[in-house]
Amino acid sequence: MKTPNRHMLRWKISIQEYRGNMTIVHKAGNIHNNADGLSRWELPNTPENPAYVPKSAEPQIPIEGIKITDVGTQLFEEVRESYMQDNNCHILTALIDKYCKYATLANSLDDI
């Protein structure tokens, strides 16, 4: 066998505990034609099924619209002041002002 890929290694590790109790025999793909149908066999959505998904009592309604509102300038002023009072953010804004290649962009942040 060639060097096993990660899927084969995972499979090999998961069946190691059964070593000695079973024999694995290779079956060529053209002979092994029933695996696809069995692997896609649909199971009922019941609590006994390990992949059971309970139906929600409340219907899920998708979002179909977004409303954008204008926030007053007072909020932005409060946010700006809180950033200036925070030492970490104050250092960051000072570095942006000092090293920003696009001075107009850095200065436009004051206009927001």
N, C-alpha and C. Protein backbone atom coordinates (compact mmCIF):
# COMPACT_ATOMS: atom_id res chain seq x y z
N MET A 1 0.85 -1.18 0.00
CA MET A 1 0.00 0.00 0.00
C MET A 1 0.89 1.24 0.00
N LYS A 2 0.47 2.25 -0.75
CA LYS A 2 1.19 3.51 -0.77
C LYS A 2 1.13 4.16 0.61
N THR A 3 1.81 5.28 0.74
CA THR A 3 1.75 6.02 2.00
C THR A 3 0.30 6.42 2.26
N PRO A 4 -0.25 6.08 3.43
CA PRO A 4 -1.67 6.38 3.68
C PRO A 4 -1.91 7.87 3.84
N ASN A 5 -3.06 8.30 3.35
CA ASN A 5 -3.42 9.71 3.53
C ASN A 5 -4.06 9.89 4.90
N ARG A 6 -4.44 11.11 5.24
CA ARG A 6 -4.94 11.39 6.58
C ARG A 6 -6.25 10.66 6.87
N HIS A 7 -7.09 10.45 5.86
CA HIS A 7 -8.35 9.74 6.06
C HIS A 7 -8.09 8.28 6.41
N MET A 8 -7.14 7.68 5.69
CA MET A 8 -6.81 6.28 5.96
C MET A 8 -6.18 6.14 7.35
N LEU A 9 -5.35 7.11 7.74
CA LEU A 9 -4.73 7.04 9.07
C LEU A 9 -5.78 7.15 10.16
N ARG A 10 -6.75 8.06 10.00
CA ARG A 10 -7.82 8.19 10.99
C ARG A 10 -8.62 6.89 11.09
N TRP A 11 -8.91 6.31 9.94
CA TRP A 11 -9.67 5.07 9.90
C TRP A 11 -8.88 3.96 10.59
N LYS A 12 -7.59 3.90 10.31
CA LYS A 12 -6.74 2.86 10.90
C LYS A 12 -6.68 3.01 12.42
N ILE A 13 -6.56 4.23 12.91
CA ILE A 13 -6.53 4.46 14.36
C ILE A 13 -7.86 4.07 15.00
N SER A 14 -8.96 4.40 14.34
CA SER A 14 -10.27 4.13 14.94
C SER A 14 -10.59 2.64 15.02
N ILE A 15 -10.00 1.82 14.16
CA ILE A 15 -10.30 0.38 14.21
C ILE A 15 -9.21 -0.43 14.89
N GLN A 16 -8.18 0.22 15.45
CA GLN A 16 -7.10 -0.52 16.09
C GLN A 16 -7.58 -1.38 17.25
N GLU A 17 -8.59 -0.93 17.97
CA GLU A 17 -9.07 -1.70 19.12
C GLU A 17 -9.66 -3.04 18.71
N TYR A 18 -10.06 -3.18 17.45
CA TYR A 18 -10.65 -4.43 16.98
C TYR A 18 -9.61 -5.35 16.34
N ARG A 19 -8.34 -4.96 16.37
CA ARG A 19 -7.28 -5.75 15.74
C ARG A 19 -7.26 -7.14 16.36
N GLY A 20 -7.19 -8.13 15.55
CA GLY A 20 -7.20 -9.51 16.02
C GLY A 20 -8.59 -10.12 15.98
N ASN A 21 -9.64 -9.30 16.01
CA ASN A 21 -11.01 -9.80 15.99
C ASN A 21 -11.64 -9.72 14.61
N MET A 22 -10.95 -9.09 13.68
CA MET A 22 -11.54 -8.92 12.35
C MET A 22 -10.45 -8.97 11.30
N THR A 23 -10.87 -9.25 10.08
CA THR A 23 -9.97 -9.27 8.95
C THR A 23 -10.51 -8.32 7.90
N ILE A 24 -9.65 -7.45 7.41
CA ILE A 24 -10.06 -6.50 6.37
C ILE A 24 -9.51 -6.99 5.05
N VAL A 25 -10.41 -7.13 4.09
CA VAL A 25 -10.03 -7.61 2.76
C VAL A 25 -10.40 -6.53 1.76
N HIS A 26 -9.45 -6.21 0.87
CA HIS A 26 -9.71 -5.20 -0.15
C HIS A 26 -10.68 -5.74 -1.17
N LYS A 27 -11.62 -4.89 -1.57
CA LYS A 27 -12.59 -5.25 -2.60
C LYS A 27 -12.52 -4.15 -3.65
N ALA A 28 -12.23 -4.51 -4.88
CA ALA A 28 -12.06 -3.53 -5.95
C ALA A 28 -13.32 -2.69 -6.13
N GLY A 29 -13.15 -1.46 -6.56
CA GLY A 29 -14.27 -0.53 -6.70
C GLY A 29 -15.34 -1.01 -7.65
N ASN A 30 -14.97 -1.64 -8.76
CA ASN A 30 -15.99 -2.09 -9.71
C ASN A 30 -16.79 -3.27 -9.18
N ILE A 31 -16.28 -3.99 -8.20
CA ILE A 31 -17.03 -5.08 -7.57
C ILE A 31 -17.87 -4.54 -6.41
N HIS A 32 -17.42 -3.48 -5.82
CA HIS A 32 -18.04 -2.90 -4.62
C HIS A 32 -19.09 -1.85 -5.03
N ASN A 33 -20.14 -2.27 -5.71
CA ASN A 33 -21.10 -1.32 -6.27
C ASN A 33 -22.29 -1.02 -5.37
N ASN A 34 -22.40 -1.64 -4.21
CA ASN A 34 -23.55 -1.38 -3.35
C ASN A 34 -23.26 -0.34 -2.26
N ALA A 35 -22.03 0.11 -2.12
CA ALA A 35 -21.68 1.03 -1.03
C ALA A 35 -22.34 2.38 -1.19
N ASP A 36 -22.45 2.90 -2.39
CA ASP A 36 -23.01 4.23 -2.59
C ASP A 36 -24.45 4.30 -2.14
N GLY A 37 -25.24 3.32 -2.52
CA GLY A 37 -26.64 3.31 -2.11
C GLY A 37 -26.81 3.19 -0.61
N LEU A 38 -25.99 2.40 0.04
CA LEU A 38 -26.09 2.24 1.49
C LEU A 38 -25.61 3.48 2.23
N SER A 39 -24.59 4.14 1.71
CA SER A 39 -24.07 5.30 2.41
C SER A 39 -25.01 6.49 2.32
N ARG A 40 -25.91 6.50 1.35
CA ARG A 40 -26.84 7.61 1.19
C ARG A 40 -28.26 7.24 1.64
N TRP A 41 -28.40 6.16 2.34
CA TRP A 41 -29.71 5.71 2.81
C TRP A 41 -30.24 6.73 3.80
N GLU A 42 -31.42 7.26 3.53
CA GLU A 42 -31.98 8.30 4.39
C GLU A 42 -32.56 7.68 5.65
N LEU A 43 -32.20 8.26 6.80
CA LEU A 43 -32.73 7.79 8.07
C LEU A 43 -33.87 8.70 8.51
N PRO A 44 -34.86 8.15 9.22
CA PRO A 44 -35.96 9.00 9.69
C PRO A 44 -35.47 9.98 10.76
N ASN A 45 -36.09 11.13 10.82
CA ASN A 45 -35.73 12.15 11.81
C ASN A 45 -36.45 11.86 13.12
N THR A 46 -35.98 10.84 13.84
CA THR A 46 -36.57 10.44 15.12
C THR A 46 -35.52 10.58 16.21
N PRO A 47 -35.93 10.64 17.48
CA PRO A 47 -34.94 10.77 18.57
C PRO A 47 -33.93 9.63 18.64
N GLU A 48 -34.26 8.47 18.08
CA GLU A 48 -33.32 7.35 18.08
C GLU A 48 -32.17 7.57 17.10
N ASN A 49 -32.37 8.42 16.11
CA ASN A 49 -31.36 8.72 15.11
C ASN A 49 -30.29 9.62 15.74
N PRO A 50 -29.00 9.26 15.66
CA PRO A 50 -27.95 10.12 16.24
C PRO A 50 -27.90 11.51 15.62
N ALA A 51 -28.37 11.66 14.40
CA ALA A 51 -28.36 12.97 13.74
C ALA A 51 -29.71 13.66 13.84
N TYR A 52 -30.49 13.31 14.86
CA TYR A 52 -31.84 13.86 15.04
C TYR A 52 -31.80 15.38 15.22
N VAL A 53 -32.65 16.07 14.48
CA VAL A 53 -32.79 17.52 14.61
C VAL A 53 -34.24 17.80 14.98
N PRO A 54 -34.48 18.22 16.24
CA PRO A 54 -35.87 18.49 16.64
C PRO A 54 -36.44 19.68 15.89
N LYS A 55 -37.71 19.58 15.57
CA LYS A 55 -38.37 20.68 14.87
C LYS A 55 -38.64 21.79 15.87
N SER A 56 -38.37 23.01 15.46
CA SER A 56 -38.55 24.16 16.33
C SER A 56 -40.03 24.48 16.47
N ALA A 57 -40.45 24.83 17.69
CA ALA A 57 -41.84 25.20 17.92
C ALA A 57 -42.15 26.54 17.27
N GLU A 58 -41.15 27.40 17.23
CA GLU A 58 -41.34 28.71 16.61
C GLU A 58 -40.81 28.67 15.18
N PRO A 59 -41.60 29.15 14.24
CA PRO A 59 -41.09 29.16 12.87
C PRO A 59 -39.95 30.17 12.72
N GLN A 60 -38.97 29.81 11.94
CA GLN A 60 -37.86 30.72 11.70
C GLN A 60 -38.20 31.59 10.52
N ILE A 61 -38.19 32.88 10.75
CA ILE A 61 -38.54 33.84 9.71
C ILE A 61 -37.27 34.53 9.25
N PRO A 62 -36.96 34.46 7.96
CA PRO A 62 -35.74 35.10 7.48
C PRO A 62 -35.86 36.62 7.50
N ILE A 63 -34.73 37.28 7.65
CA ILE A 63 -34.70 38.75 7.61
C ILE A 63 -34.85 39.16 6.16
N GLU A 64 -35.83 39.99 5.89
CA GLU A 64 -36.08 40.40 4.50
C GLU A 64 -35.82 41.88 4.28
N GLY A 65 -35.40 42.57 5.30
CA GLY A 65 -35.12 43.98 5.12
C GLY A 65 -34.29 44.51 6.27
N ILE A 66 -33.58 45.57 6.01
CA ILE A 66 -32.77 46.22 7.03
C ILE A 66 -33.10 47.70 7.01
N LYS A 67 -33.31 48.25 8.18
CA LYS A 67 -33.59 49.68 8.27
C LYS A 67 -32.35 50.38 8.81
N ILE A 68 -31.93 51.40 8.13
CA ILE A 68 -30.76 52.17 8.55
C ILE A 68 -31.26 53.48 9.14
N THR A 69 -30.79 53.78 10.33
CA THR A 69 -31.19 55.02 10.97
C THR A 69 -29.98 55.92 11.17
N ASP A 70 -30.24 57.18 11.27
CA ASP A 70 -29.18 58.16 11.46
C ASP A 70 -28.98 58.36 12.96
N VAL A 71 -27.76 58.17 13.40
CA VAL A 71 -27.43 58.36 14.81
C VAL A 71 -26.91 59.77 14.98
N GLY A 72 -27.33 60.42 16.02
CA GLY A 72 -26.93 61.81 16.26
C GLY A 72 -25.44 61.95 16.49
N THR A 73 -24.94 63.16 16.32
CA THR A 73 -23.51 63.43 16.48
C THR A 73 -23.07 63.31 17.93
N GLN A 74 -24.00 63.40 18.87
CA GLN A 74 -23.64 63.30 20.28
C GLN A 74 -23.03 61.93 20.58
N LEU A 75 -23.58 60.88 20.01
CA LEU A 75 -23.03 59.54 20.22
C LEU A 75 -21.60 59.47 19.72
N PHE A 76 -21.34 60.01 18.51
CA PHE A 76 -19.99 59.97 17.96
C PHE A 76 -19.02 60.77 18.82
N GLU A 77 -19.48 61.88 19.36
CA GLU A 77 -18.62 62.69 20.24
C GLU A 77 -18.28 61.91 21.50
N GLU A 78 -19.26 61.21 22.07
CA GLU A 78 -19.00 60.41 23.27
C GLU A 78 -18.02 59.28 22.99
N VAL A 79 -18.18 58.64 21.84
CA VAL A 79 -17.26 57.56 21.46
C VAL A 79 -15.86 58.12 21.25
N ARG A 80 -15.75 59.25 20.54
CA ARG A 80 -14.45 59.88 20.28
C ARG A 80 -13.76 60.25 21.60
N GLU A 81 -14.51 60.83 22.52
CA GLU A 81 -13.94 61.22 23.81
C GLU A 81 -13.48 60.00 24.60
N SER A 82 -14.26 58.92 24.55
CA SER A 82 -13.86 57.72 25.30
C SER A 82 -12.60 57.10 24.70
N TYR A 83 -12.44 57.18 23.37
CA TYR A 83 -11.21 56.69 22.76
C TYR A 83 -10.02 57.54 23.18
N MET A 84 -10.21 58.84 23.24
CA MET A 84 -9.12 59.73 23.62
C MET A 84 -8.73 59.54 25.09
N GLN A 85 -9.66 59.14 25.94
CA GLN A 85 -9.36 58.92 27.36
C GLN A 85 -8.70 57.56 27.60
N ASP A 86 -8.88 56.64 26.69
CA ASP A 86 -8.27 55.31 26.82
C ASP A 86 -6.80 55.41 26.38
N ASN A 87 -5.88 55.02 27.26
CA ASN A 87 -4.45 55.15 26.96
C ASN A 87 -4.03 54.34 25.74
N ASN A 88 -4.51 53.11 25.62
CA ASN A 88 -4.13 52.28 24.48
C ASN A 88 -4.62 52.86 23.17
N CYS A 89 -5.85 53.31 23.14
CA CYS A 89 -6.40 53.88 21.90
C CYS A 89 -5.76 55.22 21.58
N HIS A 90 -5.44 55.99 22.61
CA HIS A 90 -4.79 57.29 22.39
C HIS A 90 -3.42 57.08 21.74
N ILE A 91 -2.68 56.08 22.21
CA ILE A 91 -1.38 55.77 21.61
C ILE A 91 -1.56 55.35 20.16
N LEU A 92 -2.58 54.54 19.89
CA LEU A 92 -2.84 54.07 18.53
C LEU A 92 -3.18 55.22 17.60
N THR A 93 -4.04 56.11 18.03
CA THR A 93 -4.40 57.25 17.17
C THR A 93 -3.20 58.17 16.95
N ALA A 94 -2.35 58.32 17.96
CA ALA A 94 -1.14 59.13 17.79
C ALA A 94 -0.21 58.50 16.77
N LEU A 95 -0.06 57.17 16.82
CA LEU A 95 0.78 56.48 15.84
C LEU A 95 0.21 56.59 14.43
N ILE A 96 -1.10 56.49 14.31
CA ILE A 96 -1.72 56.63 12.99
C ILE A 96 -1.46 58.03 12.45
N ASP A 97 -1.63 59.04 13.29
CA ASP A 97 -1.38 60.42 12.86
C ASP A 97 0.08 60.61 12.44
N LYS A 98 0.99 59.96 13.15
CA LYS A 98 2.42 60.17 12.90
C LYS A 98 2.90 59.41 11.66
N TYR A 99 2.45 58.15 11.49
CA TYR A 99 3.03 57.30 10.45
C TYR A 99 2.11 57.01 9.27
N CYS A 100 0.92 57.55 9.26
CA CYS A 100 0.00 57.26 8.16
C CYS A 100 0.49 57.91 6.88
N LYS A 101 0.60 57.11 5.81
CA LYS A 101 1.04 57.63 4.52
C LYS A 101 0.00 58.55 3.90
N TYR A 102 -1.25 58.28 4.23
CA TYR A 102 -2.34 59.05 3.64
C TYR A 102 -2.88 60.01 4.70
N ALA A 103 -2.26 61.16 4.81
CA ALA A 103 -2.62 62.11 5.86
C ALA A 103 -4.07 62.54 5.75
N THR A 104 -4.57 62.67 4.52
CA THR A 104 -5.97 63.10 4.37
C THR A 104 -6.92 62.05 4.93
N LEU A 105 -6.55 60.77 4.79
CA LEU A 105 -7.39 59.71 5.34
C LEU A 105 -7.37 59.76 6.86
N ALA A 106 -6.19 59.92 7.44
CA ALA A 106 -6.09 59.98 8.90
C ALA A 106 -6.83 61.20 9.44
N ASN A 107 -6.73 62.32 8.75
CA ASN A 107 -7.42 63.53 9.21
C ASN A 107 -8.92 63.44 8.99
N SER A 108 -9.35 62.65 8.02
CA SER A 108 -10.79 62.54 7.77
C SER A 108 -11.48 61.75 8.88
N LEU A 109 -10.71 61.02 9.68
CA LEU A 109 -11.32 60.29 10.78
C LEU A 109 -11.94 61.24 11.79
N ASP A 110 -11.41 62.46 11.88
CA ASP A 110 -11.99 63.45 12.79
C ASP A 110 -13.35 63.93 12.30
N ASP A 111 -13.61 63.80 11.00
CA ASP A 111 -14.86 64.30 10.43
C ASP A 111 -16.00 63.30 10.57
N ILE A 112 -15.71 62.10 10.99
CA ILE A 112 -16.75 61.07 11.08
C ILE A 112 -17.66 61.34 12.24
